[in-house]
Amino acid sequence: MKNQLKGFNAKLITESIFRESDSYETYPFGYESSFSRLINVLEKTDKSETSEQMRSMPDLLILDDKDKKIFLVECKYRNAEQLHNVRLNKSSLEKYKKYWSGCILVVIVPLDNLLYAQW
């Protein structure tokens, strides 16, 4: 539950940054938002590639109003006392790369107001 709350907060922070710019529209996109009724069923029974892809869905769909482009964004929150201690799960990163290679990964770290994002 603690990790889910951190993930939810990372999504809210990222969403608010885009919204405040007045250049973007944001929409919930992730697995938790789109398939909330299926979460328990898929996590306990289905180990197929399709369910793996669904579970790794990025958190947000963001529309750039000016350029009329759509971006998928995955949000992560990491607590670390120093920046070099920030860690990301290799298998999760590999799933994003495999299924959602065009998405942007945003990592929120509560140090010095840092926001890191990369394709």
PDB file of N, CA and C in Angstrom:
ATOM      1  N   MET A   1       0.817  -1.192   0.000  1.00  0.00           N
ATOM      2  CA  MET A   1       0.000   0.000   0.000  1.00  0.00           C
ATOM      3  C   MET A   1       0.869   1.268   0.000  1.00  0.00           C
ATOM      4  N   LYS A   2       1.969   1.221   0.757  1.00  0.00           N
ATOM      5  CA  LYS A   2       2.872   2.373   0.845  1.00  0.00           C
ATOM      6  C   LYS A   2       3.458   2.708  -0.541  1.00  0.00           C
ATOM      7  N   ASN A   3       3.879   1.675  -1.276  1.00  0.00           N
ATOM      8  CA  ASN A   3       4.440   1.894  -2.616  1.00  0.00           C
ATOM      9  C   ASN A   3       3.386   2.412  -3.587  1.00  0.00           C
ATOM     10  N   GLN A   4       2.166   1.928  -3.464  1.00  0.00           N
ATOM     11  CA  GLN A   4       1.087   2.407  -4.328  1.00  0.00           C
ATOM     12  C   GLN A   4       0.814   3.887  -4.072  1.00  0.00           C
ATOM     13  N   LEU A   5       0.865   4.277  -2.816  1.00  0.00           N
ATOM     14  CA  LEU A   5       0.651   5.682  -2.468  1.00  0.00           C
ATOM     15  C   LEU A   5       1.763   6.565  -3.035  1.00  0.00           C
ATOM     16  N   LYS A   6       3.001   6.096  -2.953  1.00  0.00           N
ATOM     17  CA  LYS A   6       4.123   6.846  -3.529  1.00  0.00           C
ATOM     18  C   LYS A   6       3.947   6.975  -5.044  1.00  0.00           C
ATOM     19  N   GLY A   7       3.558   5.891  -5.693  1.00  0.00           N
ATOM     20  CA  GLY A   7       3.333   5.922  -7.132  1.00  0.00           C
ATOM     21  C   GLY A   7       2.212   6.862  -7.510  1.00  0.00           C
ATOM     22  N   PHE A   8       1.145   6.857  -6.724  1.00  0.00           N
ATOM     23  CA  PHE A   8       0.020   7.752  -6.964  1.00  0.00           C
ATOM     24  C   PHE A   8       0.464   9.212  -6.824  1.00  0.00           C
ATOM     25  N   ASN A   9       1.277   9.490  -5.802  1.00  0.00           N
ATOM     26  CA  ASN A   9       1.780  10.849  -5.603  1.00  0.00           C
ATOM     27  C   ASN A   9       2.678  11.292  -6.751  1.00  0.00           C
ATOM     28  N   ALA A  10       3.521  10.404  -7.243  1.00  0.00           N
ATOM     29  CA  ALA A  10       4.390  10.735  -8.382  1.00  0.00           C
ATOM     30  C   ALA A  10       3.545  11.086  -9.597  1.00  0.00           C
ATOM     31  N   LYS A  11       2.481  10.334  -9.791  1.00  0.00           N
ATOM     32  CA  LYS A  11       1.575  10.606 -10.916  1.00  0.00           C
ATOM     33  C   LYS A  11       0.902  11.967 -10.750  1.00  0.00           C
ATOM     34  N   LEU A  12       0.426  12.271  -9.549  1.00  0.00           N
ATOM     35  CA  LEU A  12      -0.222  13.557  -9.297  1.00  0.00           C
ATOM     36  C   LEU A  12       0.736  14.729  -9.477  1.00  0.00           C
ATOM     37  N   ILE A  13       1.961  14.589  -8.993  1.00  0.00           N
ATOM     38  CA  ILE A  13       2.957  15.653  -9.142  1.00  0.00           C
ATOM     39  C   ILE A  13       3.247  15.895 -10.616  1.00  0.00           C
ATOM     40  N   THR A  14       3.494  14.825 -11.350  1.00  0.00           N
ATOM     41  CA  THR A  14       3.799  14.942 -12.783  1.00  0.00           C
ATOM     42  C   THR A  14       2.634  15.562 -13.529  1.00  0.00           C
ATOM     43  N   GLU A  15       1.436  15.083 -13.229  1.00  0.00           N
ATOM     44  CA  GLU A  15       0.238  15.608 -13.885  1.00  0.00           C
ATOM     45  C   GLU A  15       0.077  17.102 -13.603  1.00  0.00           C
ATOM     46  N   SER A  16       0.307  17.516 -12.365  1.00  0.00           N
ATOM     47  CA  SER A  16       0.142  18.928 -12.019  1.00  0.00           C
ATOM     48  C   SER A  16       1.185  19.804 -12.713  1.00  0.00           C
ATOM     49  N   ILE A  17       2.395  19.314 -12.883  1.00  0.00           N
ATOM     50  CA  ILE A  17       3.433  20.084 -13.585  1.00  0.00           C
ATOM     51  C   ILE A  17       2.998  20.347 -15.023  1.00  0.00           C
ATOM     52  N   PHE A  18       2.493  19.322 -15.694  1.00  0.00           N
ATOM     53  CA  PHE A  18       2.039  19.501 -17.077  1.00  0.00           C
ATOM     54  C   PHE A  18       0.822  20.421 -17.148  1.00  0.00           C
ATOM     55  N   ARG A  19      -0.119  20.235 -16.244  1.00  0.00           N
ATOM     56  CA  ARG A  19      -1.338  21.057 -16.245  1.00  0.00           C
ATOM     57  C   ARG A  19      -1.046  22.528 -16.005  1.00  0.00           C
ATOM     58  N   GLU A  20      -0.149  22.811 -15.076  1.00  0.00           N
ATOM     59  CA  GLU A  20       0.163  24.195 -14.727  1.00  0.00           C
ATOM     60  C   GLU A  20       0.816  24.955 -15.877  1.00  0.00           C
ATOM     61  N   SER A  21       1.373  24.257 -16.831  1.00  0.00           N
ATOM     62  CA  SER A  21       2.029  24.932 -17.946  1.00  0.00           C
ATOM     63  C   SER A  21       1.016  25.522 -18.929  1.00  0.00           C
ATOM     64  N   ASP A  22      -0.238  25.123 -18.844  1.00  0.00           N
ATOM     65  CA  ASP A  22      -1.306  25.571 -19.746  1.00  0.00           C
ATOM     66  C   ASP A  22      -1.077  25.184 -21.200  1.00  0.00           C
ATOM     67  N   SER A  23      -0.111  24.319 -21.460  1.00  0.00           N
ATOM     68  CA  SER A  23       0.163  23.878 -22.828  1.00  0.00           C
ATOM     69  C   SER A  23      -0.205  22.419 -23.042  1.00  0.00           C
ATOM     70  N   TYR A  24      -0.609  21.752 -21.973  1.00  0.00           N
ATOM     71  CA  TYR A  24      -0.847  20.317 -22.052  1.00  0.00           C
ATOM     72  C   TYR A  24      -2.189  19.938 -21.426  1.00  0.00           C
ATOM     73  N   GLU A  25      -2.780  18.909 -21.970  1.00  0.00           N
ATOM     74  CA  GLU A  25      -3.929  18.259 -21.345  1.00  0.00           C
ATOM     75  C   GLU A  25      -3.443  16.902 -20.853  1.00  0.00           C
ATOM     76  N   THR A  26      -3.878  16.509 -19.677  1.00  0.00           N
ATOM     77  CA  THR A  26      -3.450  15.228 -19.117  1.00  0.00           C
ATOM     78  C   THR A  26      -4.650  14.314 -18.896  1.00  0.00           C
ATOM     79  N   TYR A  27      -4.414  13.025 -19.104  1.00  0.00           N
ATOM     80  CA  TYR A  27      -5.457  12.019 -18.931  1.00  0.00           C
ATOM     81  C   TYR A  27      -4.868  10.803 -18.225  1.00  0.00           C
ATOM     82  N   PRO A  28      -5.577  10.263 -17.239  1.00  0.00           N
ATOM     83  CA  PRO A  28      -5.121   9.012 -16.628  1.00  0.00           C
ATOM     84  C   PRO A  28      -5.106   7.920 -17.695  1.00  0.00           C
ATOM     85  N   PHE A  29      -4.060   7.132 -17.722  1.00  0.00           N
ATOM     86  CA  PHE A  29      -3.930   6.120 -18.759  1.00  0.00           C
ATOM     87  C   PHE A  29      -3.627   4.743 -18.199  1.00  0.00           C
ATOM     88  N   GLY A  30      -2.934   4.670 -17.100  1.00  0.00           N
ATOM     89  CA  GLY A  30      -2.366   3.431 -16.595  1.00  0.00           C
ATOM     90  C   GLY A  30      -3.346   2.320 -16.295  1.00  0.00           C
ATOM     91  N   TYR A  31      -2.757   1.205 -16.044  1.00  0.00           N
ATOM     92  CA  TYR A  31      -3.448  -0.034 -15.721  1.00  0.00           C
ATOM     93  C   TYR A  31      -4.438   0.162 -14.577  1.00  0.00           C
ATOM     94  N   GLU A  32      -4.006   0.858 -13.535  1.00  0.00           N
ATOM     95  CA  GLU A  32      -4.872   1.082 -12.377  1.00  0.00           C
ATOM     96  C   GLU A  32      -6.082   1.931 -12.744  1.00  0.00           C
ATOM     97  N   SER A  33      -5.915   2.854 -13.681  1.00  0.00           N
ATOM     98  CA  SER A  33      -7.011   3.736 -14.086  1.00  0.00           C
ATOM     99  C   SER A  33      -7.960   3.066 -15.063  1.00  0.00           C
ATOM    100  N   SER A  34      -7.403   2.368 -16.026  1.00  0.00           N
ATOM    101  CA  SER A  34      -8.206   1.824 -17.117  1.00  0.00           C
ATOM    102  C   SER A  34      -8.837   0.470 -16.823  1.00  0.00           C
ATOM    103  N   PHE A  35      -8.169  -0.328 -16.020  1.00  0.00           N
ATOM    104  CA  PHE A  35      -8.633  -1.699 -15.810  1.00  0.00           C
ATOM    105  C   PHE A  35      -8.763  -2.045 -14.333  1.00  0.00           C
ATOM    106  N   SER A  36      -9.239  -1.105 -13.546  1.00  0.00           N
ATOM    107  CA  SER A  36      -9.279  -1.297 -12.094  1.00  0.00           C
ATOM    108  C   SER A  36     -10.043  -2.542 -11.676  1.00  0.00           C
ATOM    109  N   ARG A  37     -11.086  -2.899 -12.405  1.00  0.00           N
ATOM    110  CA  ARG A  37     -11.873  -4.085 -12.039  1.00  0.00           C
ATOM    111  C   ARG A  37     -11.132  -5.381 -12.365  1.00  0.00           C
ATOM    112  N   LEU A  38     -10.162  -5.332 -13.258  1.00  0.00           N
ATOM    113  CA  LEU A  38      -9.438  -6.542 -13.654  1.00  0.00           C
ATOM    114  C   LEU A  38      -8.156  -6.776 -12.872  1.00  0.00           C
ATOM    115  N   ILE A  39      -7.728  -5.806 -12.090  1.00  0.00           N
ATOM    116  CA  ILE A  39      -6.426  -5.892 -11.435  1.00  0.00           C
ATOM    117  C   ILE A  39      -6.253  -7.188 -10.650  1.00  0.00           C
ATOM    118  N   ASN A  40      -7.165  -7.481  -9.749  1.00  0.00           N
ATOM    119  CA  ASN A  40      -7.021  -8.675  -8.916  1.00  0.00           C
ATOM    120  C   ASN A  40      -7.048  -9.954  -9.731  1.00  0.00           C
ATOM    121  N   VAL A  41      -7.900 -10.012 -10.729  1.00  0.00           N
ATOM    122  CA  VAL A  41      -8.008 -11.220 -11.562  1.00  0.00           C
ATOM    123  C   VAL A  41      -6.711 -11.453 -12.317  1.00  0.00           C
ATOM    124  N   LEU A  42      -6.202 -10.428 -12.982  1.00  0.00           N
ATOM    125  CA  LEU A  42      -4.999 -10.582 -13.799  1.00  0.00           C
ATOM    126  C   LEU A  42      -3.761 -10.853 -12.959  1.00  0.00           C
ATOM    127  N   GLU A  43      -3.648 -10.207 -11.815  1.00  0.00           N
ATOM    128  CA  GLU A  43      -2.455 -10.394 -10.989  1.00  0.00           C
ATOM    129  C   GLU A  43      -2.391 -11.790 -10.385  1.00  0.00           C
ATOM    130  N   LYS A  44      -3.532 -12.396 -10.160  1.00  0.00           N
ATOM    131  CA  LYS A  44      -3.544 -13.704  -9.509  1.00  0.00           C
ATOM    132  C   LYS A  44      -3.600 -14.873 -10.487  1.00  0.00           C
ATOM    133  N   THR A  45      -4.120 -14.655 -11.681  1.00  0.00           N
ATOM    134  CA  THR A  45      -4.332 -15.796 -12.560  1.00  0.00           C
ATOM    135  C   THR A  45      -3.606 -15.734 -13.888  1.00  0.00           C
ATOM    136  N   ASP A  46      -3.550 -14.597 -14.508  1.00  0.00           N
ATOM    137  CA  ASP A  46      -3.057 -14.501 -15.878  1.00  0.00           C
ATOM    138  C   ASP A  46      -1.591 -14.080 -15.908  1.00  0.00           C
ATOM    139  N   LYS A  47      -0.749 -14.917 -16.475  1.00  0.00           N
ATOM    140  CA  LYS A  47       0.679 -14.611 -16.597  1.00  0.00           C
ATOM    141  C   LYS A  47       1.076 -14.453 -18.068  1.00  0.00           C
ATOM    142  N   SER A  48       0.110 -14.186 -18.923  1.00  0.00           N
ATOM    143  CA  SER A  48       0.374 -14.075 -20.355  1.00  0.00           C
ATOM    144  C   SER A  48       1.118 -12.786 -20.689  1.00  0.00           C
ATOM    145  N   GLU A  49       1.638 -12.720 -21.902  1.00  0.00           N
ATOM    146  CA  GLU A  49       2.335 -11.522 -22.352  1.00  0.00           C
ATOM    147  C   GLU A  49       1.381 -10.325 -22.412  1.00  0.00           C
ATOM    148  N   THR A  50       0.133 -10.579 -22.783  1.00  0.00           N
ATOM    149  CA  THR A  50      -0.852  -9.496 -22.838  1.00  0.00           C
ATOM    150  C   THR A  50      -1.072  -8.893 -21.461  1.00  0.00           C
ATOM    151  N   SER A  51      -1.199  -9.734 -20.437  1.00  0.00           N
ATOM    152  CA  SER A  51      -1.404  -9.201 -19.086  1.00  0.00           C
ATOM    153  C   SER A  51      -0.142  -8.496 -18.589  1.00  0.00           C
ATOM    154  N   GLU A  52       1.037  -8.987 -18.980  1.00  0.00           N
ATOM    155  CA  GLU A  52       2.288  -8.304 -18.620  1.00  0.00           C
ATOM    156  C   GLU A  52       2.312  -6.901 -19.228  1.00  0.00           C
ATOM    157  N   GLN A  53       1.883  -6.794 -20.476  1.00  0.00           N
ATOM    158  CA  GLN A  53       1.850  -5.504 -21.143  1.00  0.00           C
ATOM    159  C   GLN A  53       0.846  -4.573 -20.454  1.00  0.00           C
ATOM    160  N   MET A  54      -0.310  -5.109 -20.101  1.00  0.00           N
ATOM    161  CA  MET A  54      -1.324  -4.295 -19.430  1.00  0.00           C
ATOM    162  C   MET A  54      -0.828  -3.794 -18.083  1.00  0.00           C
ATOM    163  N   ARG A  55      -0.155  -4.650 -17.320  1.00  0.00           N
ATOM    164  CA  ARG A  55       0.337  -4.264 -15.998  1.00  0.00           C
ATOM    165  C   ARG A  55       1.450  -3.220 -16.079  1.00  0.00           C
ATOM    166  N   SER A  56       2.116  -3.131 -17.234  1.00  0.00           N
ATOM    167  CA  SER A  56       3.207  -2.166 -17.368  1.00  0.00           C
ATOM    168  C   SER A  56       2.779  -0.891 -18.097  1.00  0.00           C
ATOM    169  N   MET A  57       1.469  -0.682 -18.236  1.00  0.00           N
ATOM    170  CA  MET A  57       0.979   0.511 -18.937  1.00  0.00           C
ATOM    171  C   MET A  57       1.471   1.786 -18.257  1.00  0.00           C
ATOM    172  N   PRO A  58       1.914   2.772 -19.050  1.00  0.00           N
ATOM    173  CA  PRO A  58       2.299   4.061 -18.473  1.00  0.00           C
ATOM    174  C   PRO A  58       1.125   4.721 -17.752  1.00  0.00           C
ATOM    175  N   ASP A  59       1.441   5.642 -16.856  1.00  0.00           N
ATOM    176  CA  ASP A  59       0.439   6.255 -15.981  1.00  0.00           C
ATOM    177  C   ASP A  59      -0.422   7.322 -16.647  1.00  0.00           C
ATOM    178  N   LEU A  60       0.179   8.091 -17.539  1.00  0.00           N
ATOM    179  CA  LEU A  60      -0.525   9.251 -18.090  1.00  0.00           C
ATOM    180  C   LEU A  60      -0.437   9.309 -19.606  1.00  0.00           C
ATOM    181  N   LEU A  61      -1.477   9.858 -20.191  1.00  0.00           N
ATOM    182  CA  LEU A  61      -1.472  10.233 -21.599  1.00  0.00           C
ATOM    183  C   LEU A  61      -1.509  11.756 -21.594  1.00  0.00           C
ATOM    184  N   ILE A  62      -0.563  12.372 -22.274  1.00  0.00           N
ATOM    185  CA  ILE A  62      -0.468  13.830 -22.262  1.00  0.00           C
ATOM    186  C   ILE A  62      -0.537  14.354 -23.687  1.00  0.00           C
ATOM    187  N   LEU A  63      -1.415  15.311 -23.886  1.00  0.00           N
ATOM    188  CA  LEU A  63      -1.601  15.932 -25.192  1.00  0.00           C
ATOM    189  C   LEU A  63      -0.939  17.305 -25.183  1.00  0.00           C
ATOM    190  N   ASP A  64      -0.023  17.501 -26.115  1.00  0.00           N
ATOM    191  CA  ASP A  64       0.620  18.795 -26.311  1.00  0.00           C
ATOM    192  C   ASP A  64      -0.303  19.609 -27.203  1.00  0.00           C
ATOM    193  N   ASP A  65      -0.979  20.614 -26.620  1.00  0.00           N
ATOM    194  CA  ASP A  65      -1.965  21.410 -27.365  1.00  0.00           C
ATOM    195  C   ASP A  65      -1.352  22.152 -28.549  1.00  0.00           C
ATOM    196  N   LYS A  66      -0.148  22.647 -28.366  1.00  0.00           N
ATOM    197  CA  LYS A  66       0.500  23.441 -29.407  1.00  0.00           C
ATOM    198  C   LYS A  66       0.879  22.575 -30.616  1.00  0.00           C
ATOM    199  N   ASP A  67       1.607  21.490 -30.374  1.00  0.00           N
ATOM    200  CA  ASP A  67       2.107  20.643 -31.463  1.00  0.00           C
ATOM    201  C   ASP A  67       1.148  19.524 -31.856  1.00  0.00           C
ATOM    202  N   LYS A  68       0.063  19.392 -31.080  1.00  0.00           N
ATOM    203  CA  LYS A  68      -0.933  18.339 -31.333  1.00  0.00           C
ATOM    204  C   LYS A  68      -0.294  16.951 -31.353  1.00  0.00           C
ATOM    205  N   LYS A  69       0.576  16.709 -30.377  1.00  0.00           N
ATOM    206  CA  LYS A  69       1.225  15.409 -30.224  1.00  0.00           C
ATOM    207  C   LYS A  69       0.780  14.792 -28.908  1.00  0.00           C
ATOM    208  N   ILE A  70       0.788  13.468 -28.896  1.00  0.00           N
ATOM    209  CA  ILE A  70       0.406  12.724 -27.697  1.00  0.00           C
ATOM    210  C   ILE A  70       1.632  11.988 -27.167  1.00  0.00           C
ATOM    211  N   PHE A  71       1.793  12.030 -25.827  1.00  0.00           N
ATOM    212  CA  PHE A  71       2.893  11.344 -25.173  1.00  0.00           C
ATOM    213  C   PHE A  71       2.353  10.445 -24.071  1.00  0.00           C
ATOM    214  N   LEU A  72       2.998   9.309 -23.887  1.00  0.00           N
ATOM    215  CA  LEU A  72       2.711   8.440 -22.751  1.00  0.00           C
ATOM    216  C   LEU A  72       3.806   8.655 -21.725  1.00  0.00           C
ATOM    217  N   VAL A  73       3.411   8.744 -20.453  1.00  0.00           N
ATOM    218  CA  VAL A  73       4.357   9.044 -19.388  1.00  0.00           C
ATOM    219  C   VAL A  73       4.196   8.044 -18.247  1.00  0.00           C
ATOM    220  N   GLU A  74       5.298   7.439 -17.845  1.00  0.00           N
ATOM    221  CA  GLU A  74       5.350   6.562 -16.679  1.00  0.00           C
ATOM    222  C   GLU A  74       6.004   7.344 -15.553  1.00  0.00           C
ATOM    223  N   CYS A  75       5.369   7.364 -14.376  1.00  0.00           N
ATOM    224  CA  CYS A  75       5.839   8.156 -13.243  1.00  0.00           C
ATOM    225  C   CYS A  75       6.347   7.243 -12.137  1.00  0.00           C
ATOM    226  N   LYS A  76       7.525   7.565 -11.624  1.00  0.00           N
ATOM    227  CA  LYS A  76       8.103   6.821 -10.506  1.00  0.00           C
ATOM    228  C   LYS A  76       8.499   7.806  -9.414  1.00  0.00           C
ATOM    229  N   TYR A  77       8.358   7.382  -8.179  1.00  0.00           N
ATOM    230  CA  TYR A  77       8.776   8.177  -7.032  1.00  0.00           C
ATOM    231  C   TYR A  77       9.864   7.396  -6.318  1.00  0.00           C
ATOM    232  N   ARG A  78      10.968   8.044  -6.040  1.00  0.00           N
ATOM    233  CA  ARG A  78      12.052   7.383  -5.322  1.00  0.00           C
ATOM    234  C   ARG A  78      12.531   8.289  -4.199  1.00  0.00           C
ATOM    235  N   ASN A  79      12.587   7.741  -3.007  1.00  0.00           N
ATOM    236  CA  ASN A  79      13.155   8.418  -1.854  1.00  0.00           C
ATOM    237  C   ASN A  79      14.621   8.039  -1.788  1.00  0.00           C
ATOM    238  N   ALA A  80      15.492   8.998  -1.699  1.00  0.00           N
ATOM    239  CA  ALA A  80      16.921   8.721  -1.586  1.00  0.00           C
ATOM    240  C   ALA A  80      17.570   9.906  -0.895  1.00  0.00           C
ATOM    241  N   GLU A  81      18.556   9.607  -0.078  1.00  0.00           N
ATOM    242  CA  GLU A  81      19.267  10.683   0.608  1.00  0.00           C
ATOM    243  C   GLU A  81      20.258  11.369  -0.316  1.00  0.00           C
ATOM    244  N   GLN A  82      20.716  10.650  -1.345  1.00  0.00           N
ATOM    245  CA  GLN A  82      21.616  11.215  -2.345  1.00  0.00           C
ATOM    246  C   GLN A  82      21.179  10.725  -3.714  1.00  0.00           C
ATOM    247  N   LEU A  83      21.401  11.548  -4.707  1.00  0.00           N
ATOM    248  CA  LEU A  83      20.933  11.239  -6.048  1.00  0.00           C
ATOM    249  C   LEU A  83      21.519   9.939  -6.596  1.00  0.00           C
ATOM    250  N   HIS A  84      22.770   9.654  -6.286  1.00  0.00           N
ATOM    251  CA  HIS A  84      23.382   8.436  -6.825  1.00  0.00           C
ATOM    252  C   HIS A  84      22.814   7.161  -6.180  1.00  0.00           C
ATOM    253  N   ASN A  85      21.973   7.313  -5.166  1.00  0.00           N
ATOM    254  CA  ASN A  85      21.335   6.153  -4.530  1.00  0.00           C
ATOM    255  C   ASN A  85      19.976   5.809  -5.136  1.00  0.00           C
ATOM    256  N   VAL A  86      19.527   6.565  -6.121  1.00  0.00           N
ATOM    257  CA  VAL A  86      18.229   6.304  -6.746  1.00  0.00           C
ATOM    258  C   VAL A  86      18.336   5.031  -7.582  1.00  0.00           C
ATOM    259  N   ARG A  87      17.421   4.107  -7.356  1.00  0.00           N
ATOM    260  CA  ARG A  87      17.432   2.824  -8.056  1.00  0.00           C
ATOM    261  C   ARG A  87      16.096   2.581  -8.738  1.00  0.00           C
ATOM    262  N   LEU A  88      16.155   1.960  -9.912  1.00  0.00           N
ATOM    263  CA  LEU A  88      14.962   1.545 -10.643  1.00  0.00           C
ATOM    264  C   LEU A  88      15.082   0.060 -10.941  1.00  0.00           C
ATOM    265  N   ASN A  89      13.962  -0.624 -10.892  1.00  0.00           N
ATOM    266  CA  ASN A  89      13.919  -2.060 -11.120  1.00  0.00           C
ATOM    267  C   ASN A  89      14.206  -2.386 -12.590  1.00  0.00           C
ATOM    268  N   LYS A  90      15.250  -3.165 -12.830  1.00  0.00           N
ATOM    269  CA  LYS A  90      15.674  -3.475 -14.199  1.00  0.00           C
ATOM    270  C   LYS A  90      14.582  -4.190 -14.991  1.00  0.00           C
ATOM    271  N   SER A  91      13.897  -5.142 -14.374  1.00  0.00           N
ATOM    272  CA  SER A  91      12.864  -5.888 -15.111  1.00  0.00           C
ATOM    273  C   SER A  91      11.696  -4.984 -15.500  1.00  0.00           C
ATOM    274  N   SER A  92      11.340  -4.025 -14.639  1.00  0.00           N
ATOM    275  CA  SER A  92      10.277  -3.070 -14.986  1.00  0.00           C
ATOM    276  C   SER A  92      10.709  -2.193 -16.152  1.00  0.00           C
ATOM    277  N   LEU A  93      11.941  -1.705 -16.095  1.00  0.00           N
ATOM    278  CA  LEU A  93      12.449  -0.881 -17.192  1.00  0.00           C
ATOM    279  C   LEU A  93      12.460  -1.651 -18.509  1.00  0.00           C
ATOM    280  N   GLU A  94      12.808  -2.922 -18.441  1.00  0.00           N
ATOM    281  CA  GLU A  94      12.815  -3.749 -19.653  1.00  0.00           C
ATOM    282  C   GLU A  94      11.407  -3.927 -20.211  1.00  0.00           C
ATOM    283  N   LYS A  95      10.409  -4.040 -19.347  1.00  0.00           N
ATOM    284  CA  LYS A  95       9.021  -4.149 -19.813  1.00  0.00           C
ATOM    285  C   LYS A  95       8.573  -2.863 -20.490  1.00  0.00           C
ATOM    286  N   TYR A  96       8.919  -1.709 -19.903  1.00  0.00           N
ATOM    287  CA  TYR A  96       8.548  -0.441 -20.536  1.00  0.00           C
ATOM    288  C   TYR A  96       9.208  -0.332 -21.911  1.00  0.00           C
ATOM    289  N   LYS A  97      10.452  -0.725 -21.977  1.00  0.00           N
ATOM    290  CA  LYS A  97      11.173  -0.649 -23.243  1.00  0.00           C
ATOM    291  C   LYS A  97      10.566  -1.604 -24.281  1.00  0.00           C
ATOM    292  N   LYS A  98      10.164  -2.777 -23.835  1.00  0.00           N
ATOM    293  CA  LYS A  98       9.594  -3.777 -24.740  1.00  0.00           C
ATOM    294  C   LYS A  98       8.196  -3.386 -25.223  1.00  0.00           C
ATOM    295  N   TYR A  99       7.329  -3.010 -24.297  1.00  0.00           N
ATOM    296  CA  TYR A  99       5.930  -2.783 -24.630  1.00  0.00           C
ATOM    297  C   TYR A  99       5.586  -1.321 -24.910  1.00  0.00           C
ATOM    298  N   TRP A 100       6.327  -0.407 -24.320  1.00  0.00           N
ATOM    299  CA  TRP A 100       5.982   1.014 -24.400  1.00  0.00           C
ATOM    300  C   TRP A 100       7.220   1.847 -24.709  1.00  0.00           C
ATOM    301  N   SER A 101       7.935   1.482 -25.749  1.00  0.00           N
ATOM    302  CA  SER A 101       9.235   2.100 -26.036  1.00  0.00           C
ATOM    303  C   SER A 101       9.155   3.603 -26.274  1.00  0.00           C
ATOM    304  N   GLY A 102       8.008   4.113 -26.663  1.00  0.00           N
ATOM    305  CA  GLY A 102       7.879   5.544 -26.910  1.00  0.00           C
ATOM    306  C   GLY A 102       7.508   6.360 -25.692  1.00  0.00           C
ATOM    307  N   CYS A 103       7.343   5.719 -24.544  1.00  0.00           N
ATOM    308  CA  CYS A 103       6.898   6.479 -23.374  1.00  0.00           C
ATOM    309  C   CYS A 103       8.059   7.216 -22.714  1.00  0.00           C
ATOM    310  N   ILE A 104       7.705   8.250 -21.978  1.00  0.00           N
ATOM    311  CA  ILE A 104       8.670   9.048 -21.225  1.00  0.00           C
ATOM    312  C   ILE A 104       8.637   8.561 -19.788  1.00  0.00           C
ATOM    313  N   LEU A 105       9.802   8.315 -19.226  1.00  0.00           N
ATOM    314  CA  LEU A 105       9.915   7.905 -17.834  1.00  0.00           C
ATOM    315  C   LEU A 105      10.258   9.130 -17.002  1.00  0.00           C
ATOM    316  N   VAL A 106       9.407   9.445 -16.024  1.00  0.00           N
ATOM    317  CA  VAL A 106       9.637  10.556 -15.106  1.00  0.00           C
ATOM    318  C   VAL A 106       9.912   9.970 -13.731  1.00  0.00           C
ATOM    319  N   VAL A 107      11.013  10.389 -13.129  1.00  0.00           N
ATOM    320  CA  VAL A 107      11.365   9.937 -11.785  1.00  0.00           C
ATOM    321  C   VAL A 107      11.366  11.155 -10.868  1.00  0.00           C
ATOM    322  N   ILE A 108      10.502  11.122  -9.864  1.00  0.00           N
ATOM    323  CA  ILE A 108      10.405  12.189  -8.875  1.00  0.00           C
ATOM    324  C   ILE A 108      11.282  11.797  -7.686  1.00  0.00           C
ATOM    325  N   VAL A 109      12.227  12.658  -7.354  1.00  0.00           N
ATOM    326  CA  VAL A 109      13.111  12.444  -6.213  1.00  0.00           C
ATOM    327  C   VAL A 109      13.041  13.698  -5.350  1.00  0.00           C
ATOM    328  N   PRO A 110      12.623  13.574  -4.081  1.00  0.00           N
ATOM    329  CA  PRO A 110      12.461  14.772  -3.247  1.00  0.00           C
ATOM    330  C   PRO A 110      13.788  15.341  -2.732  1.00  0.00           C
ATOM    331  N   LEU A 111      14.679  15.651  -3.657  1.00  0.00           N
ATOM    332  CA  LEU A 111      15.958  16.287  -3.331  1.00  0.00           C
ATOM    333  C   LEU A 111      16.115  17.520  -4.212  1.00  0.00           C
ATOM    334  N   ASP A 112      16.310  18.652  -3.629  1.00  0.00           N
ATOM    335  CA  ASP A 112      16.605  19.872  -4.390  1.00  0.00           C
ATOM    336  C   ASP A 112      15.624  20.133  -5.524  1.00  0.00           C
ATOM    337  N   ASN A 113      14.351  19.825  -5.333  1.00  0.00           N
ATOM    338  CA  ASN A 113      13.327  20.083  -6.353  1.00  0.00           C
ATOM    339  C   ASN A 113      13.696  19.497  -7.710  1.00  0.00           C
ATOM    340  N   LEU A 114      14.182  18.282  -7.721  1.00  0.00           N
ATOM    341  CA  LEU A 114      14.662  17.654  -8.940  1.00  0.00           C
ATOM    342  C   LEU A 114      13.573  16.850  -9.625  1.00  0.00           C
ATOM    343  N   LEU A 115      13.457  17.025 -10.909  1.00  0.00           N
ATOM    344  CA  LEU A 115      12.573  16.211 -11.724  1.00  0.00           C
ATOM    345  C   LEU A 115      13.404  15.693 -12.888  1.00  0.00           C
ATOM    346  N   TYR A 116      13.438  14.388 -13.066  1.00  0.00           N
ATOM    347  CA  TYR A 116      14.228  13.795 -14.130  1.00  0.00           C
ATOM    348  C   TYR A 116      13.291  13.060 -15.061  1.00  0.00           C
ATOM    349  N   ALA A 117      13.443  13.310 -16.340  1.00  0.00           N
ATOM    350  CA  ALA A 117      12.601  12.634 -17.329  1.00  0.00           C
ATOM    351  C   ALA A 117      13.448  12.238 -18.527  1.00  0.00           C
ATOM    352  N   GLN A 118      13.151  11.073 -19.092  1.00  0.00           N
ATOM    353  CA  GLN A 118      13.883  10.595 -20.254  1.00  0.00           C
ATOM    354  C   GLN A 118      12.986   9.686 -21.078  1.00  0.00           C
ATOM    355  N   TRP A 119      13.162   9.756 -22.420  1.00  0.00           N
ATOM    356  CA  TRP A 119      12.425   8.849 -23.311  1.00  0.00           C
ATOM    357  C   TRP A 119      12.837   7.435 -22.988  1.00  0.00           C
TER     358      TRP A 119
END
